[in-house]
């Protein structure tokens, strides 16, 4: 296995049989200092996080690692068509390789949208005591009509506008990137998709950040976490914020993340078991 050369600041790692690009910020992981691993949204990648990974590292004082999943950014192409359980596959078959390549003793998973779902699925499906907390921004655990309508609008925009050309600045194959995501969500069989059951198996603290004007999911997603979790849950509902808190309300999102990390580290320092 290719190990991450943190000092290089960027590179490629093999996970799930694919070459994945990555970037890192902050000091190299050492001892019990947790690494924040960031998982991007359904059309995201390393570059589309912009400066948010660096700002997360600066706000928390922790090392931050972000990577592009297969089919995104400059990573290897994904195998298409994606299965309807592609997020579960990313959680149980790919993310373990990424964490092993980083080689840290502890981790926090920070995921946005699809990435939030993947992070929650990993914590709920894989027994990994290195994972000490979850930060979920606009995660989805089940489909909602308004979200599917918005995804349908995205499909129309991809056909009728220069969206593919704009995506080409960040993705090697914008057509495959878009179709790999959009085709699954608009598959009629996906109407019944739900992974809400994983919440009951999570045993670590969670922070859920949601924009009140999120066009892809309602506060019912947050409510499902609060209602079903046996672990502590903090919620940050942000006004004047749509699906991307890191761009619509970056300062408030960073403040929520930094506060959560500080409280979690205090718990860890006091020796309270959170797994």
C-alpha atoms as a PDB file:
ATOM      1  CA  UNK A   1       0.000   0.000   0.000  1.00  0.00           C
ATOM      2  CA  UNK A   2       1.206   3.497  -0.871  1.00  0.00           C
ATOM      3  CA  UNK A   3       1.434   5.554   2.317  1.00  0.00           C
ATOM      4  CA  UNK A   4       0.605   9.255   2.348  1.00  0.00           C
ATOM      5  CA  UNK A   5       3.653  11.538   2.294  1.00  0.00           C
ATOM      6  CA  UNK A   6       2.127  14.280   4.412  1.00  0.00           C
ATOM      7  CA  UNK A   7       5.073  16.650   4.026  1.00  0.00           C
ATOM      8  CA  UNK A   8       4.520  16.720   0.252  1.00  0.00           C
ATOM      9  CA  UNK A   9       1.138  18.349   0.834  1.00  0.00           C
ATOM     10  CA  UNK A  10      -0.521  16.585  -2.105  1.00  0.00           C
ATOM     11  CA  UNK A  11      -0.284  13.375  -4.070  1.00  0.00           C
ATOM     12  CA  UNK A  12      -2.074  10.166  -4.967  1.00  0.00           C
ATOM     13  CA  UNK A  13      -3.071   7.148  -2.937  1.00  0.00           C
ATOM     14  CA  UNK A  14      -4.492   3.804  -4.002  1.00  0.00           C
ATOM     15  CA  UNK A  15      -7.818   2.949  -2.372  1.00  0.00           C
ATOM     16  CA  UNK A  16     -10.508   0.558  -3.529  1.00  0.00           C
ATOM     17  CA  UNK A  17      -8.246  -0.348  -6.439  1.00  0.00           C
ATOM     18  CA  UNK A  18      -8.242   3.232  -7.773  1.00  0.00           C
ATOM     19  CA  UNK A  19      -5.686   6.040  -7.756  1.00  0.00           C
ATOM     20  CA  UNK A  20      -7.143   8.933  -5.774  1.00  0.00           C
ATOM     21  CA  UNK A  21      -5.774  12.468  -5.538  1.00  0.00           C
ATOM     22  CA  UNK A  22      -5.370  14.051  -2.111  1.00  0.00           C
ATOM     23  CA  UNK A  23      -4.232  17.222  -0.348  1.00  0.00           C
ATOM     24  CA  UNK A  24      -3.175  17.745   3.263  1.00  0.00           C
ATOM     25  CA  UNK A  25      -2.956  20.731   5.585  1.00  0.00           C
ATOM     26  CA  UNK A  26      -1.428  21.287   8.988  1.00  0.00           C
ATOM     27  CA  UNK A  27       1.363  19.430  10.727  1.00  0.00           C
ATOM     28  CA  UNK A  28       1.874  15.725   9.972  1.00  0.00           C
ATOM     29  CA  UNK A  29      -0.203  13.496  12.253  1.00  0.00           C
ATOM     30  CA  UNK A  30       1.610  12.335  15.343  1.00  0.00           C
ATOM     31  CA  UNK A  31       0.691  10.537  18.535  1.00  0.00           C
ATOM     32  CA  UNK A  32      -2.999  10.633  19.396  1.00  0.00           C
ATOM     33  CA  UNK A  33      -3.706  13.892  17.555  1.00  0.00           C
ATOM     34  CA  UNK A  34      -6.734  13.168  15.345  1.00  0.00           C
ATOM     35  CA  UNK A  35      -6.716  13.818  11.610  1.00  0.00           C
ATOM     36  CA  UNK A  36      -9.820  15.371  10.069  1.00  0.00           C
ATOM     37  CA  UNK A  37     -10.644  13.494   6.856  1.00  0.00           C
ATOM     38  CA  UNK A  38     -12.901  15.447   4.500  1.00  0.00           C
ATOM     39  CA  UNK A  39     -15.316  13.736   2.117  1.00  0.00           C
ATOM     40  CA  UNK A  40     -16.775  15.842  -0.685  1.00  0.00           C
ATOM     41  CA  UNK A  41     -20.283  16.132  -2.105  1.00  0.00           C
ATOM     42  CA  UNK A  42     -21.794  14.337  -5.101  1.00  0.00           C
ATOM     43  CA  UNK A  43     -20.224  16.644  -7.692  1.00  0.00           C
ATOM     44  CA  UNK A  44     -17.256  17.776  -5.598  1.00  0.00           C
ATOM     45  CA  UNK A  45     -13.555  17.056  -5.508  1.00  0.00           C
ATOM     46  CA  UNK A  46     -10.415  18.293  -3.772  1.00  0.00           C
ATOM     47  CA  UNK A  47     -10.277  21.544  -5.764  1.00  0.00           C
ATOM     48  CA  UNK A  48     -13.953  22.344  -5.221  1.00  0.00           C
ATOM     49  CA  UNK A  49     -13.471  22.509  -1.467  1.00  0.00           C
ATOM     50  CA  UNK A  50     -11.541  25.726  -2.329  1.00  0.00           C
ATOM     51  CA  UNK A  51      -9.778  26.991   0.809  1.00  0.00           C
ATOM     52  CA  UNK A  52     -12.115  25.295   3.281  1.00  0.00           C
ATOM     53  CA  UNK A  53      -9.769  22.401   4.230  1.00  0.00           C
ATOM     54  CA  UNK A  54      -7.011  24.873   5.069  1.00  0.00           C
ATOM     55  CA  UNK A  55      -9.413  26.982   7.088  1.00  0.00           C
ATOM     56  CA  UNK A  56     -10.681  23.924   8.977  1.00  0.00           C
ATOM     57  CA  UNK A  57      -7.099  23.049   9.886  1.00  0.00           C
ATOM     58  CA  UNK A  58      -6.396  26.589  11.048  1.00  0.00           C
ATOM     59  CA  UNK A  59      -9.645  26.837  13.032  1.00  0.00           C
ATOM     60  CA  UNK A  60      -9.196  23.506  14.816  1.00  0.00           C
ATOM     61  CA  UNK A  61      -5.410  23.257  14.989  1.00  0.00           C
ATOM     62  CA  UNK A  62      -5.666  19.731  13.602  1.00  0.00           C
ATOM     63  CA  UNK A  63      -4.203  18.129  10.473  1.00  0.00           C
ATOM     64  CA  UNK A  64      -6.712  17.902   7.621  1.00  0.00           C
ATOM     65  CA  UNK A  65      -6.757  15.424   4.737  1.00  0.00           C
ATOM     66  CA  UNK A  66      -9.080  15.705   1.725  1.00  0.00           C
ATOM     67  CA  UNK A  67      -9.319  13.402  -1.272  1.00  0.00           C
ATOM     68  CA  UNK A  68     -11.286  13.037  -4.504  1.00  0.00           C
ATOM     69  CA  UNK A  69     -13.248   9.824  -4.883  1.00  0.00           C
ATOM     70  CA  UNK A  70     -12.944   7.765  -8.075  1.00  0.00           C
ATOM     71  CA  UNK A  71     -14.650   9.550 -10.956  1.00  0.00           C
ATOM     72  CA  UNK A  72     -14.028  12.995  -9.503  1.00  0.00           C
ATOM     73  CA  UNK A  73     -11.365  15.629  -9.940  1.00  0.00           C
ATOM     74  CA  UNK A  74      -8.083  14.134 -11.145  1.00  0.00           C
ATOM     75  CA  UNK A  75      -8.650  10.706  -9.590  1.00  0.00           C
ATOM     76  CA  UNK A  76      -9.069   7.545 -11.658  1.00  0.00           C
ATOM     77  CA  UNK A  77     -12.390   7.079 -13.478  1.00  0.00           C
ATOM     78  CA  UNK A  78     -15.181   5.317 -11.623  1.00  0.00           C
ATOM     79  CA  UNK A  79     -16.755   2.098 -12.821  1.00  0.00           C
ATOM     80  CA  UNK A  80     -20.071   3.098 -14.414  1.00  0.00           C
ATOM     81  CA  UNK A  81     -22.948   2.767 -14.050  1.00  0.00           C
ATOM     82  CA  UNK A  82     -22.664   3.223 -10.321  1.00  0.00           C
ATOM     83  CA  UNK A  83     -24.710   0.830  -8.175  1.00  0.00           C
ATOM     84  CA  UNK A  84     -27.576   2.288  -6.208  1.00  0.00           C
ATOM     85  CA  UNK A  85     -25.619   1.605  -3.012  1.00  0.00           C
ATOM     86  CA  UNK A  86     -22.536   3.480  -4.241  1.00  0.00           C
ATOM     87  CA  UNK A  87     -22.262   5.476  -1.011  1.00  0.00           C
ATOM     88  CA  UNK A  88     -22.204   2.279   1.034  1.00  0.00           C
ATOM     89  CA  UNK A  89     -19.477   0.940  -1.269  1.00  0.00           C
ATOM     90  CA  UNK A  90     -17.407   4.083  -0.738  1.00  0.00           C
ATOM     91  CA  UNK A  91     -17.808   3.720   3.024  1.00  0.00           C
ATOM     92  CA  UNK A  92     -16.980   0.048   3.476  1.00  0.00           C
ATOM     93  CA  UNK A  93     -14.702  -0.721   0.519  1.00  0.00           C
ATOM     94  CA  UNK A  94     -12.754   2.487  -0.179  1.00  0.00           C
ATOM     95  CA  UNK A  95     -12.539   4.647   2.937  1.00  0.00           C
ATOM     96  CA  UNK A  96     -10.767   1.917   4.975  1.00  0.00           C
ATOM     97  CA  UNK A  97      -7.910   1.971   2.454  1.00  0.00           C
ATOM     98  CA  UNK A  98      -7.680   5.759   2.654  1.00  0.00           C
ATOM     99  CA  UNK A  99      -7.478   5.700   6.453  1.00  0.00           C
ATOM    100  CA  UNK A 100      -4.881   2.935   6.387  1.00  0.00           C
ATOM    101  CA  UNK A 101      -2.731   4.947   3.968  1.00  0.00           C
ATOM    102  CA  UNK A 102      -2.836   8.001   6.243  1.00  0.00           C
ATOM    103  CA  UNK A 103      -1.830   5.822   9.172  1.00  0.00           C
ATOM    104  CA  UNK A 104      -3.113   8.038  12.009  1.00  0.00           C
ATOM    105  CA  UNK A 105      -4.120   6.795  15.450  1.00  0.00           C
ATOM    106  CA  UNK A 106      -7.374   8.767  15.521  1.00  0.00           C
ATOM    107  CA  UNK A 107      -9.702  10.406  13.011  1.00  0.00           C
ATOM    108  CA  UNK A 108     -12.639  12.748  12.720  1.00  0.00           C
ATOM    109  CA  UNK A 109     -14.716  12.388   9.557  1.00  0.00           C
ATOM    110  CA  UNK A 110     -16.066  15.581   8.006  1.00  0.00           C
ATOM    111  CA  UNK A 111     -18.411  14.985   5.106  1.00  0.00           C
ATOM    112  CA  UNK A 112     -20.589  17.216   2.948  1.00  0.00           C
ATOM    113  CA  UNK A 113     -23.771  15.907   1.292  1.00  0.00           C
ATOM    114  CA  UNK A 114     -22.858  12.502  -0.222  1.00  0.00           C
ATOM    115  CA  UNK A 115     -19.641  12.732   1.789  1.00  0.00           C
ATOM    116  CA  UNK A 116     -21.627  13.176   4.983  1.00  0.00           C
ATOM    117  CA  UNK A 117     -23.668  10.099   4.185  1.00  0.00           C
ATOM    118  CA  UNK A 118     -20.497   8.105   3.473  1.00  0.00           C
ATOM    119  CA  UNK A 119     -18.962   9.239   6.771  1.00  0.00           C
ATOM    120  CA  UNK A 120     -22.074   8.225   8.719  1.00  0.00           C
ATOM    121  CA  UNK A 121     -22.252   4.890   6.923  1.00  0.00           C
ATOM    122  CA  UNK A 122     -18.637   4.146   7.802  1.00  0.00           C
ATOM    123  CA  UNK A 123     -19.223   4.935  11.462  1.00  0.00           C
ATOM    124  CA  UNK A 124     -22.408   2.864  11.519  1.00  0.00           C
ATOM    125  CA  UNK A 125     -21.219  -0.137   9.515  1.00  0.00           C
ATOM    126  CA  UNK A 126     -17.513  -0.510  10.348  1.00  0.00           C
ATOM    127  CA  UNK A 127     -16.180  -1.069  13.851  1.00  0.00           C
ATOM    128  CA  UNK A 128     -13.254   1.328  13.911  1.00  0.00           C
ATOM    129  CA  UNK A 129     -12.316   2.755  17.292  1.00  0.00           C
ATOM    130  CA  UNK A 130      -9.976   5.244  15.640  1.00  0.00           C
ATOM    131  CA  UNK A 131     -13.003   7.299  14.556  1.00  0.00           C
ATOM    132  CA  UNK A 132     -13.707   9.698  17.405  1.00  0.00           C
ATOM    133  CA  UNK A 133     -16.370  11.976  15.939  1.00  0.00           C
ATOM    134  CA  UNK A 134     -18.443  12.887  12.890  1.00  0.00           C
ATOM    135  CA  UNK A 135     -19.055  16.310  11.342  1.00  0.00           C
ATOM    136  CA  UNK A 136     -21.900  16.008   8.846  1.00  0.00           C
ATOM    137  CA  UNK A 137     -22.784  18.962   6.624  1.00  0.00           C
ATOM    138  CA  UNK A 138     -26.102  18.577   4.791  1.00  0.00           C
ATOM    139  CA  UNK A 139     -26.065  14.765   4.925  1.00  0.00           C
ATOM    140  CA  UNK A 140     -28.890  12.737   3.426  1.00  0.00           C
ATOM    141  CA  UNK A 141     -30.180   9.451   4.796  1.00  0.00           C
ATOM    142  CA  UNK A 142     -33.257   9.044   2.588  1.00  0.00           C
ATOM    143  CA  UNK A 143     -34.705  10.602  -0.544  1.00  0.00           C
ATOM    144  CA  UNK A 144     -37.077  13.562  -0.425  1.00  0.00           C
ATOM    145  CA  UNK A 145     -39.266  14.807  -3.298  1.00  0.00           C
ATOM    146  CA  UNK A 146     -37.897  18.355  -3.214  1.00  0.00           C
ATOM    147  CA  UNK A 147     -34.329  17.084  -3.396  1.00  0.00           C
ATOM    148  CA  UNK A 148     -35.087  14.825  -6.348  1.00  0.00           C
ATOM    149  CA  UNK A 149     -36.791  17.729  -8.113  1.00  0.00           C
ATOM    150  CA  UNK A 150     -33.657  19.829  -7.684  1.00  0.00           C
ATOM    151  CA  UNK A 151     -31.492  16.999  -9.007  1.00  0.00           C
ATOM    152  CA  UNK A 152     -33.791  16.816 -12.037  1.00  0.00           C
ATOM    153  CA  UNK A 153     -33.204  20.531 -12.588  1.00  0.00           C
ATOM    154  CA  UNK A 154     -29.473  19.877 -12.457  1.00  0.00           C
ATOM    155  CA  UNK A 155     -29.853  17.295 -15.232  1.00  0.00           C
ATOM    156  CA  UNK A 156     -31.698  19.835 -17.374  1.00  0.00           C
ATOM    157  CA  UNK A 157     -28.991  22.429 -16.731  1.00  0.00           C
ATOM    158  CA  UNK A 158     -26.271  19.965 -17.717  1.00  0.00           C
ATOM    159  CA  UNK A 159     -27.969  19.440 -21.076  1.00  0.00           C
ATOM    160  CA  UNK A 160     -28.979  23.028 -21.789  1.00  0.00           C
ATOM    161  CA  UNK A 161     -26.144  25.147 -20.371  1.00  0.00           C
ATOM    162  CA  UNK A 162     -22.351  25.276 -20.235  1.00  0.00           C
ATOM    163  CA  UNK A 163     -22.290  23.286 -16.974  1.00  0.00           C
ATOM    164  CA  UNK A 164     -20.161  20.530 -18.516  1.00  0.00           C
ATOM    165  CA  UNK A 165     -17.604  23.069 -19.686  1.00  0.00           C
ATOM    166  CA  UNK A 166     -17.431  24.652 -16.246  1.00  0.00           C
ATOM    167  CA  UNK A 167     -17.088  21.254 -14.587  1.00  0.00           C
ATOM    168  CA  UNK A 168     -14.183  20.413 -16.920  1.00  0.00           C
ATOM    169  CA  UNK A 169     -12.053  22.884 -14.975  1.00  0.00           C
ATOM    170  CA  UNK A 170     -12.191  20.520 -12.007  1.00  0.00           C
ATOM    171  CA  UNK A 171     -12.982  17.029 -13.343  1.00  0.00           C
ATOM    172  CA  UNK A 172     -11.130  14.998 -15.988  1.00  0.00           C
ATOM    173  CA  UNK A 173     -14.393  13.661 -17.432  1.00  0.00           C
ATOM    174  CA  UNK A 174     -17.290  15.973 -16.526  1.00  0.00           C
ATOM    175  CA  UNK A 175     -19.839  13.880 -18.422  1.00  0.00           C
ATOM    176  CA  UNK A 176     -18.960  10.727 -16.486  1.00  0.00           C
ATOM    177  CA  UNK A 177     -18.770  12.653 -13.206  1.00  0.00           C
ATOM    178  CA  UNK A 178     -22.204  14.152 -13.661  1.00  0.00           C
ATOM    179  CA  UNK A 179     -23.924  11.046 -15.021  1.00  0.00           C
ATOM    180  CA  UNK A 180     -22.363   8.830 -12.373  1.00  0.00           C
ATOM    181  CA  UNK A 181     -24.090  10.903  -9.704  1.00  0.00           C
ATOM    182  CA  UNK A 182     -27.239  12.143 -11.418  1.00  0.00           C
ATOM    183  CA  UNK A 183     -28.296   8.873 -13.041  1.00  0.00           C
ATOM    184  CA  UNK A 184     -28.368   7.067  -9.692  1.00  0.00           C
ATOM    185  CA  UNK A 185     -30.408   9.704  -7.914  1.00  0.00           C
ATOM    186  CA  UNK A 186     -32.958   9.870 -10.744  1.00  0.00           C
ATOM    187  CA  UNK A 187     -33.218   6.106 -11.138  1.00  0.00           C
ATOM    188  CA  UNK A 188     -36.849   5.186 -10.251  1.00  0.00           C
ATOM    189  CA  UNK A 189     -35.531   2.448  -7.957  1.00  0.00           C
ATOM    190  CA  UNK A 190     -33.732   5.097  -5.893  1.00  0.00           C
ATOM    191  CA  UNK A 191     -37.026   6.561  -4.701  1.00  0.00           C
ATOM    192  CA  UNK A 192     -37.010   4.026  -1.856  1.00  0.00           C
ATOM    193  CA  UNK A 193     -33.330   4.501  -0.974  1.00  0.00           C
ATOM    194  CA  UNK A 194     -32.629   4.913   2.737  1.00  0.00           C
ATOM    195  CA  UNK A 195     -29.641   4.264   4.980  1.00  0.00           C
ATOM    196  CA  UNK A 196     -31.201   5.796   8.091  1.00  0.00           C
ATOM    197  CA  UNK A 197     -30.735   2.525   9.944  1.00  0.00           C
ATOM    198  CA  UNK A 198     -26.984   3.171  10.262  1.00  0.00           C
ATOM    199  CA  UNK A 199     -27.626   6.058  12.659  1.00  0.00           C
ATOM    200  CA  UNK A 200     -28.649   3.650  15.419  1.00  0.00           C
ATOM    201  CA  UNK A 201     -25.254   1.938  15.248  1.00  0.00           C
ATOM    202  CA  UNK A 202     -23.140   5.076  15.596  1.00  0.00           C
ATOM    203  CA  UNK A 203     -21.528   5.354  19.019  1.00  0.00           C
ATOM    204  CA  UNK A 204     -19.477   8.539  18.683  1.00  0.00           C
ATOM    205  CA  UNK A 205     -20.427  12.221  19.005  1.00  0.00           C
ATOM    206  CA  UNK A 206     -21.834  13.950  15.947  1.00  0.00           C
ATOM    207  CA  UNK A 207     -22.181  17.516  14.753  1.00  0.00           C
ATOM    208  CA  UNK A 208     -24.817  18.047  12.043  1.00  0.00           C
ATOM    209  CA  UNK A 209     -24.708  21.323  10.121  1.00  0.00           C
ATOM    210  CA  UNK A 210     -27.677  22.156   7.904  1.00  0.00           C
ATOM    211  CA  UNK A 211     -28.728  25.254   5.975  1.00  0.00           C
ATOM    212  CA  UNK A 212     -32.329  26.228   6.601  1.00  0.00           C
ATOM    213  CA  UNK A 213     -32.713  26.950   2.883  1.00  0.00           C
ATOM    214  CA  UNK A 214     -31.038  23.729   1.719  1.00  0.00           C
ATOM    215  CA  UNK A 215     -32.517  22.947  -1.694  1.00  0.00           C
ATOM    216  CA  UNK A 216     -31.577  19.260  -1.603  1.00  0.00           C
ATOM    217  CA  UNK A 217     -32.815  18.221   1.835  1.00  0.00           C
ATOM    218  CA  UNK A 218     -35.078  19.398   4.621  1.00  0.00           C
ATOM    219  CA  UNK A 219     -34.529  19.509   8.362  1.00  0.00           C
ATOM    220  CA  UNK A 220     -36.135  16.055   8.448  1.00  0.00           C
ATOM    221  CA  UNK A 221     -32.659  14.684   7.691  1.00  0.00           C
ATOM    222  CA  UNK A 222     -31.341  16.336  10.849  1.00  0.00           C
ATOM    223  CA  UNK A 223     -34.368  15.223  12.807  1.00  0.00           C
ATOM    224  CA  UNK A 224     -33.686  11.624  11.842  1.00  0.00           C
ATOM    225  CA  UNK A 225     -30.197  11.852  13.332  1.00  0.00           C
ATOM    226  CA  UNK A 226     -31.422  13.429  16.570  1.00  0.00           C
ATOM    227  CA  UNK A 227     -34.278  10.957  16.936  1.00  0.00           C
ATOM    228  CA  UNK A 228     -32.388   7.770  16.073  1.00  0.00           C
ATOM    229  CA  UNK A 229     -28.941   8.356  17.555  1.00  0.00           C
ATOM    230  CA  UNK A 230     -27.834   6.774  20.816  1.00  0.00           C
ATOM    231  CA  UNK A 231     -24.717   8.969  20.711  1.00  0.00           C
ATOM    232  CA  UNK A 232     -24.496  12.702  21.533  1.00  0.00           C
ATOM    233  CA  UNK A 233     -25.658  14.946  18.686  1.00  0.00           C
ATOM    234  CA  UNK A 234     -25.028  18.654  18.255  1.00  0.00           C
ATOM    235  CA  UNK A 235     -26.995  20.562  15.623  1.00  0.00           C
ATOM    236  CA  UNK A 236     -26.153  23.837  13.887  1.00  0.00           C
ATOM    237  CA  UNK A 237     -29.014  25.138  11.745  1.00  0.00           C
ATOM    238  CA  UNK A 238     -27.768  28.074   9.692  1.00  0.00           C
ATOM    239  CA  UNK A 239     -29.984  30.860   8.372  1.00  0.00           C
ATOM    240  CA  UNK A 240     -29.422  32.292   4.902  1.00  0.00           C
ATOM    241  CA  UNK A 241     -27.724  29.047   3.946  1.00  0.00           C
ATOM    242  CA  UNK A 242     -28.504  26.586   1.195  1.00  0.00           C
ATOM    243  CA  UNK A 243     -26.824  23.240   0.516  1.00  0.00           C
ATOM    244  CA  UNK A 244     -23.206  24.324   1.014  1.00  0.00           C
ATOM    245  CA  UNK A 245     -22.566  25.792   4.485  1.00  0.00           C
ATOM    246  CA  UNK A 246     -18.834  25.977   3.696  1.00  0.00           C
ATOM    247  CA  UNK A 247     -19.587  28.625   1.061  1.00  0.00           C
ATOM    248  CA  UNK A 248     -22.885  30.186   2.144  1.00  0.00           C
ATOM    249  CA  UNK A 249     -21.945  30.611   5.819  1.00  0.00           C
ATOM    250  CA  UNK A 250     -18.258  29.660   6.088  1.00  0.00           C
ATOM    251  CA  UNK A 251     -17.493  31.568   9.282  1.00  0.00           C
ATOM    252  CA  UNK A 252     -20.466  30.128  11.143  1.00  0.00           C
ATOM    253  CA  UNK A 253     -19.737  26.636   9.839  1.00  0.00           C
ATOM    254  CA  UNK A 254     -16.101  26.933  10.937  1.00  0.00           C
ATOM    255  CA  UNK A 255     -17.131  28.207  14.358  1.00  0.00           C
ATOM    256  CA  UNK A 256     -19.462  25.243  14.824  1.00  0.00           C
ATOM    257  CA  UNK A 257     -16.749  22.811  13.722  1.00  0.00           C
ATOM    258  CA  UNK A 258     -14.075  24.370  15.938  1.00  0.00           C
ATOM    259  CA  UNK A 259     -16.392  24.388  18.955  1.00  0.00           C
ATOM    260  CA  UNK A 260     -17.338  20.754  18.431  1.00  0.00           C
ATOM    261  CA  UNK A 261     -13.693  19.704  18.090  1.00  0.00           C
ATOM    262  CA  UNK A 262     -12.734  21.617  21.255  1.00  0.00           C
ATOM    263  CA  UNK A 263     -15.476  19.928  23.268  1.00  0.00           C
ATOM    264  CA  UNK A 264     -14.625  16.524  21.840  1.00  0.00           C
ATOM    265  CA  UNK A 265     -10.940  16.942  22.638  1.00  0.00           C
ATOM    266  CA  UNK A 266     -11.860  17.936  26.202  1.00  0.00           C
ATOM    267  CA  UNK A 267     -13.845  14.713  26.554  1.00  0.00           C
ATOM    268  CA  UNK A 268     -10.900  12.736  25.175  1.00  0.00           C
ATOM    269  CA  UNK A 269      -8.486  14.465  27.563  1.00  0.00           C
ATOM    270  CA  UNK A 270     -10.694  13.590  30.522  1.00  0.00           C
ATOM    271  CA  UNK A 271     -10.606   9.945  29.494  1.00  0.00           C
ATOM    272  CA  UNK A 272     -14.332   9.608  28.873  1.00  0.00           C
ATOM    273  CA  UNK A 273     -15.097   6.687  26.562  1.00  0.00           C
ATOM    274  CA  UNK A 274     -16.935   7.849  23.415  1.00  0.00           C
ATOM    275  CA  UNK A 275     -16.828   4.679  21.285  1.00  0.00           C
END
